[in-house]
Amino acid sequence: MKYEIIDIYEEDYGCEGIPEGGELMCIVALRNENGIEKHVRLSDSFITDNSLKKGGFVLLEEV
């Protein structure tokens, strides 16, 4: 399904930082073609590798 990216927020890891061996994750606010909004966790590397940005679109199988 095609989703519009409403916003992208870096996940808050507090003062502990990213867990050892972990990857920076982001919360991505999405809106589908029917106007239904969802939030998903995506890795920062996935967002960067796919040039995702606010106002853009992403195709996801199931959210």
PDB file of N, CA and C in Angstrom:
ATOM      1  N   MET A   1       0.847  -1.169   0.000  1.00  0.00           N
ATOM      2  CA  MET A   1       0.000   0.000   0.000  1.00  0.00           C
ATOM      3  C   MET A   1       0.894   1.234   0.000  1.00  0.00           C
ATOM      4  N   LYS A   2       0.427   2.295  -0.613  1.00  0.00           N
ATOM      5  CA  LYS A   2       1.168   3.551  -0.711  1.00  0.00           C
ATOM      6  C   LYS A   2       0.791   4.450   0.468  1.00  0.00           C
ATOM      7  N   TYR A   3       1.819   4.982   1.140  1.00  0.00           N
ATOM      8  CA  TYR A   3       1.623   5.863   2.286  1.00  0.00           C
ATOM      9  C   TYR A   3       2.345   7.184   2.070  1.00  0.00           C
ATOM     10  N   GLU A   4       1.685   8.270   2.444  1.00  0.00           N
ATOM     11  CA  GLU A   4       2.336   9.577   2.460  1.00  0.00           C
ATOM     12  C   GLU A   4       3.055   9.721   3.797  1.00  0.00           C
ATOM     13  N   ILE A   5       4.256  10.261   3.774  1.00  0.00           N
ATOM     14  CA  ILE A   5       5.013  10.477   4.999  1.00  0.00           C
ATOM     15  C   ILE A   5       4.610  11.832   5.571  1.00  0.00           C
ATOM     16  N   ILE A   6       3.974  11.797   6.733  1.00  0.00           N
ATOM     17  CA  ILE A   6       3.523  13.019   7.393  1.00  0.00           C
ATOM     18  C   ILE A   6       4.681  13.663   8.152  1.00  0.00           C
ATOM     19  N   ASP A   7       5.456  12.839   8.871  1.00  0.00           N
ATOM     20  CA  ASP A   7       6.591  13.356   9.631  1.00  0.00           C
ATOM     21  C   ASP A   7       7.509  12.211  10.020  1.00  0.00           C
ATOM     22  N   ILE A   8       8.741  12.544  10.365  1.00  0.00           N
ATOM     23  CA  ILE A   8       9.739  11.569  10.794  1.00  0.00           C
ATOM     24  C   ILE A   8      10.376  12.102  12.074  1.00  0.00           C
ATOM     25  N   TYR A   9      10.364  11.278  13.123  1.00  0.00           N
ATOM     26  CA  TYR A   9      10.929  11.656  14.411  1.00  0.00           C
ATOM     27  C   TYR A   9      12.005  10.652  14.802  1.00  0.00           C
ATOM     28  N   GLU A  10      13.141  11.144  15.280  1.00  0.00           N
ATOM     29  CA  GLU A  10      14.143  10.227  15.811  1.00  0.00           C
ATOM     30  C   GLU A  10      13.610   9.666  17.115  1.00  0.00           C
ATOM     31  N   GLU A  11      13.783   8.373  17.315  1.00  0.00           N
ATOM     32  CA  GLU A  11      13.347   7.736  18.546  1.00  0.00           C
ATOM     33  C   GLU A  11      14.159   8.295  19.710  1.00  0.00           C
ATOM     34  N   ASP A  12      13.524   8.499  20.853  1.00  0.00           N
ATOM     35  CA  ASP A  12      14.187   9.062  22.030  1.00  0.00           C
ATOM     36  C   ASP A  12      14.799   7.931  22.847  1.00  0.00           C
ATOM     37  N   TYR A  13      16.113   7.922  22.930  1.00  0.00           N
ATOM     38  CA  TYR A  13      16.814   6.886  23.685  1.00  0.00           C
ATOM     39  C   TYR A  13      17.226   7.372  25.067  1.00  0.00           C
ATOM     40  N   GLY A  14      16.840   8.579  25.428  1.00  0.00           N
ATOM     41  CA  GLY A  14      17.173   9.122  26.734  1.00  0.00           C
ATOM     42  C   GLY A  14      18.674   9.243  26.927  1.00  0.00           C
ATOM     43  N   CYS A  15      19.103   9.323  28.170  1.00  0.00           N
ATOM     44  CA  CYS A  15      20.524   9.518  28.454  1.00  0.00           C
ATOM     45  C   CYS A  15      21.339   8.244  28.215  1.00  0.00           C
ATOM     46  N   GLU A  16      20.680   7.084  28.086  1.00  0.00           N
ATOM     47  CA  GLU A  16      21.396   5.835  27.857  1.00  0.00           C
ATOM     48  C   GLU A  16      21.922   5.735  26.426  1.00  0.00           C
ATOM     49  N   GLY A  17      21.302   6.426  25.506  1.00  0.00           N
ATOM     50  CA  GLY A  17      21.715   6.367  24.106  1.00  0.00           C
ATOM     51  C   GLY A  17      21.213   5.093  23.428  1.00  0.00           C
ATOM     52  N   ILE A  18      21.667   4.875  22.235  1.00  0.00           N
ATOM     53  CA  ILE A  18      21.268   3.700  21.451  1.00  0.00           C
ATOM     54  C   ILE A  18      21.846   2.459  22.130  1.00  0.00           C
ATOM     55  N   PRO A  19      21.043   1.414  22.310  1.00  0.00           N
ATOM     56  CA  PRO A  19      21.548   0.190  22.942  1.00  0.00           C
ATOM     57  C   PRO A  19      22.750  -0.379  22.178  1.00  0.00           C
ATOM     58  N   GLU A  20      23.682  -0.971  22.913  1.00  0.00           N
ATOM     59  CA  GLU A  20      24.873  -1.546  22.298  1.00  0.00           C
ATOM     60  C   GLU A  20      24.467  -2.551  21.216  1.00  0.00           C
ATOM     61  N   GLY A  21      25.057  -2.409  20.053  1.00  0.00           N
ATOM     62  CA  GLY A  21      24.731  -3.285  18.932  1.00  0.00           C
ATOM     63  C   GLY A  21      23.434  -2.913  18.234  1.00  0.00           C
ATOM     64  N   GLY A  22      22.760  -1.878  18.729  1.00  0.00           N
ATOM     65  CA  GLY A  22      21.490  -1.455  18.153  1.00  0.00           C
ATOM     66  C   GLY A  22      21.692  -0.472  17.013  1.00  0.00           C
ATOM     67  N   GLU A  23      20.605  -0.125  16.386  1.00  0.00           N
ATOM     68  CA  GLU A  23      20.628   0.806  15.265  1.00  0.00           C
ATOM     69  C   GLU A  23      19.687   1.959  15.568  1.00  0.00           C
ATOM     70  N   LEU A  24      20.048   3.159  15.117  1.00  0.00           N
ATOM     71  CA  LEU A  24      19.189   4.316  15.297  1.00  0.00           C
ATOM     72  C   LEU A  24      17.863   4.070  14.597  1.00  0.00           C
ATOM     73  N   MET A  25      16.773   4.214  15.341  1.00  0.00           N
ATOM     74  CA  MET A  25      15.439   4.002  14.790  1.00  0.00           C
ATOM     75  C   MET A  25      14.672   5.317  14.810  1.00  0.00           C
ATOM     76  N   CYS A  26      13.718   5.423  13.901  1.00  0.00           N
ATOM     77  CA  CYS A  26      12.871   6.611  13.806  1.00  0.00           C
ATOM     78  C   CYS A  26      11.410   6.187  13.826  1.00  0.00           C
ATOM     79  N   ILE A  27      10.568   7.072  14.304  1.00  0.00           N
ATOM     80  CA  ILE A  27       9.121   6.879  14.242  1.00  0.00           C
ATOM     81  C   ILE A  27       8.652   7.673  13.023  1.00  0.00           C
ATOM     82  N   VAL A  28       7.941   6.998  12.126  1.00  0.00           N
ATOM     83  CA  VAL A  28       7.467   7.634  10.898  1.00  0.00           C
ATOM     84  C   VAL A  28       5.943   7.655  10.929  1.00  0.00           C
ATOM     85  N   ALA A  29       5.382   8.859  10.850  1.00  0.00           N
ATOM     86  CA  ALA A  29       3.932   9.042  10.790  1.00  0.00           C
ATOM     87  C   ALA A  29       3.507   8.957   9.327  1.00  0.00           C
ATOM     88  N   LEU A  30       2.550   8.060   9.066  1.00  0.00           N
ATOM     89  CA  LEU A  30       2.106   7.787   7.692  1.00  0.00           C
ATOM     90  C   LEU A  30       0.606   7.991   7.550  1.00  0.00           C
ATOM     91  N   ARG A  31       0.173   8.286   6.322  1.00  0.00           N
ATOM     92  CA  ARG A  31      -1.253   8.378   6.006  1.00  0.00           C
ATOM     93  C   ARG A  31      -1.485   7.600   4.723  1.00  0.00           C
ATOM     94  N   ASN A  32      -2.446   6.661   4.748  1.00  0.00           N
ATOM     95  CA  ASN A  32      -2.710   5.886   3.531  1.00  0.00           C
ATOM     96  C   ASN A  32      -3.704   6.608   2.627  1.00  0.00           C
ATOM     97  N   GLU A  33      -3.999   5.985   1.518  1.00  0.00           N
ATOM     98  CA  GLU A  33      -4.875   6.595   0.509  1.00  0.00           C
ATOM     99  C   GLU A  33      -6.283   6.838   1.024  1.00  0.00           C
ATOM    100  N   ASN A  34      -6.670   6.142   2.121  1.00  0.00           N
ATOM    101  CA  ASN A  34      -7.997   6.308   2.705  1.00  0.00           C
ATOM    102  C   ASN A  34      -8.006   7.328   3.838  1.00  0.00           C
ATOM    103  N   GLY A  35      -6.860   7.981   4.081  1.00  0.00           N
ATOM    104  CA  GLY A  35      -6.771   8.995   5.124  1.00  0.00           C
ATOM    105  C   GLY A  35      -6.488   8.452   6.509  1.00  0.00           C
ATOM    106  N   ILE A  36      -6.244   7.152   6.619  1.00  0.00           N
ATOM    107  CA  ILE A  36      -5.973   6.544   7.922  1.00  0.00           C
ATOM    108  C   ILE A  36      -4.495   6.729   8.261  1.00  0.00           C
ATOM    109  N   GLU A  37      -4.232   7.236   9.468  1.00  0.00           N
ATOM    110  CA  GLU A  37      -2.863   7.495   9.888  1.00  0.00           C
ATOM    111  C   GLU A  37      -2.336   6.361  10.761  1.00  0.00           C
ATOM    112  N   LYS A  38      -1.036   6.075  10.605  1.00  0.00           N
ATOM    113  CA  LYS A  38      -0.350   5.042  11.384  1.00  0.00           C
ATOM    114  C   LYS A  38       1.049   5.541  11.696  1.00  0.00           C
ATOM    115  N   HIS A  39       1.652   4.954  12.716  1.00  0.00           N
ATOM    116  CA  HIS A  39       3.041   5.230  13.068  1.00  0.00           C
ATOM    117  C   HIS A  39       3.808   3.914  13.019  1.00  0.00           C
ATOM    118  N   VAL A  40       4.965   3.938  12.388  1.00  0.00           N
ATOM    119  CA  VAL A  40       5.808   2.744  12.300  1.00  0.00           C
ATOM    120  C   VAL A  40       7.235   3.100  12.695  1.00  0.00           C
ATOM    121  N   ARG A  41       7.974   2.094  13.141  1.00  0.00           N
ATOM    122  CA  ARG A  41       9.402   2.265  13.444  1.00  0.00           C
ATOM    123  C   ARG A  41      10.189   1.802  12.231  1.00  0.00           C
ATOM    124  N   LEU A  42      11.051   2.669  11.734  1.00  0.00           N
ATOM    125  CA  LEU A  42      11.939   2.327  10.627  1.00  0.00           C
ATOM    126  C   LEU A  42      13.351   2.728  11.008  1.00  0.00           C
ATOM    127  N   SER A  43      14.317   1.960  10.545  1.00  0.00           N
ATOM    128  CA  SER A  43      15.705   2.299  10.853  1.00  0.00           C
ATOM    129  C   SER A  43      16.108   3.559  10.091  1.00  0.00           C
ATOM    130  N   ASP A  44      16.979   4.327  10.705  1.00  0.00           N
ATOM    131  CA  ASP A  44      17.485   5.529  10.072  1.00  0.00           C
ATOM    132  C   ASP A  44      18.173   5.184   8.752  1.00  0.00           C
ATOM    133  N   SER A  45      18.867   4.051   8.716  1.00  0.00           N
ATOM    134  CA  SER A  45      19.555   3.654   7.481  1.00  0.00           C
ATOM    135  C   SER A  45      18.551   3.354   6.362  1.00  0.00           C
ATOM    136  N   PHE A  46      17.401   2.747   6.681  1.00  0.00           N
ATOM    137  CA  PHE A  46      16.371   2.485   5.675  1.00  0.00           C
ATOM    138  C   PHE A  46      15.829   3.807   5.129  1.00  0.00           C
ATOM    139  N   ILE A  47      15.600   4.749   6.019  1.00  0.00           N
ATOM    140  CA  ILE A  47      15.082   6.061   5.617  1.00  0.00           C
ATOM    141  C   ILE A  47      16.080   6.761   4.702  1.00  0.00           C
ATOM    142  N   THR A  48      17.353   6.740   5.095  1.00  0.00           N
ATOM    143  CA  THR A  48      18.398   7.390   4.303  1.00  0.00           C
ATOM    144  C   THR A  48      18.615   6.681   2.974  1.00  0.00           C
ATOM    145  N   ASP A  49      18.734   5.353   3.000  1.00  0.00           N
ATOM    146  CA  ASP A  49      18.979   4.573   1.777  1.00  0.00           C
ATOM    147  C   ASP A  49      17.873   4.747   0.742  1.00  0.00           C
ATOM    148  N   ASN A  50      16.645   4.990   1.214  1.00  0.00           N
ATOM    149  CA  ASN A  50      15.502   5.125   0.310  1.00  0.00           C
ATOM    150  C   ASN A  50      15.081   6.584   0.102  1.00  0.00           C
ATOM    151  N   SER A  51      15.903   7.515   0.584  1.00  0.00           N
ATOM    152  CA  SER A  51      15.661   8.961   0.431  1.00  0.00           C
ATOM    153  C   SER A  51      14.251   9.362   0.859  1.00  0.00           C
ATOM    154  N   LEU A  52      13.786   8.799   1.980  1.00  0.00           N
ATOM    155  CA  LEU A  52      12.457   9.135   2.471  1.00  0.00           C
ATOM    156  C   LEU A  52      12.495  10.471   3.176  1.00  0.00           C
ATOM    157  N   LYS A  53      11.442  11.268   2.976  1.00  0.00           N
ATOM    158  CA  LYS A  53      11.363  12.569   3.632  1.00  0.00           C
ATOM    159  C   LYS A  53       9.900  12.970   3.791  1.00  0.00           C
ATOM    160  N   LYS A  54       9.679  13.921   4.671  1.00  0.00           N
ATOM    161  CA  LYS A  54       8.339  14.436   4.923  1.00  0.00           C
ATOM    162  C   LYS A  54       7.728  14.924   3.620  1.00  0.00           C
ATOM    163  N   GLY A  55       6.476  14.529   3.377  1.00  0.00           N
ATOM    164  CA  GLY A  55       5.783  14.919   2.153  1.00  0.00           C
ATOM    165  C   GLY A  55       5.968  13.927   1.021  1.00  0.00           C
ATOM    166  N   GLY A  56       6.910  12.988   1.183  1.00  0.00           N
ATOM    167  CA  GLY A  56       7.144  11.971   0.170  1.00  0.00           C
ATOM    168  C   GLY A  56       6.219  10.780   0.364  1.00  0.00           C
ATOM    169  N   PHE A  57       6.467   9.744  -0.394  1.00  0.00           N
ATOM    170  CA  PHE A  57       5.644   8.543  -0.328  1.00  0.00           C
ATOM    171  C   PHE A  57       6.525   7.317  -0.190  1.00  0.00           C
ATOM    172  N   VAL A  58       5.954   6.284   0.437  1.00  0.00           N
ATOM    173  CA  VAL A  58       6.652   5.019   0.607  1.00  0.00           C
ATOM    174  C   VAL A  58       5.648   3.889   0.353  1.00  0.00           C
ATOM    175  N   LEU A  59       6.113   2.831  -0.251  1.00  0.00           N
ATOM    176  CA  LEU A  59       5.287   1.647  -0.460  1.00  0.00           C
ATOM    177  C   LEU A  59       5.663   0.620   0.597  1.00  0.00           C
ATOM    178  N   LEU A  60       4.696   0.201   1.386  1.00  0.00           N
ATOM    179  CA  LEU A  60       4.908  -0.809   2.414  1.00  0.00           C
ATOM    180  C   LEU A  60       3.869  -1.909   2.240  1.00  0.00           C
ATOM    181  N   GLU A  61       4.313  -3.148   2.392  1.00  0.00           N
ATOM    182  CA  GLU A  61       3.377  -4.273   2.229  1.00  0.00           C
ATOM    183  C   GLU A  61       2.276  -4.257   3.272  1.00  0.00           C
ATOM    184  N   GLU A  62       2.679  -4.167   4.538  1.00  0.00           N
ATOM    185  CA  GLU A  62       1.692  -4.168   5.606  1.00  0.00           C
ATOM    186  C   GLU A  62       2.226  -3.367   6.763  1.00  0.00           C
ATOM    187  N   VAL A  63       1.402  -2.472   7.272  1.00  0.00           N
ATOM    188  CA  VAL A  63       1.828  -1.625   8.400  1.00  0.00           C
ATOM    189  C   VAL A  63       0.861  -1.837   9.532  1.00  0.00           C
TER     190      VAL A  63
END
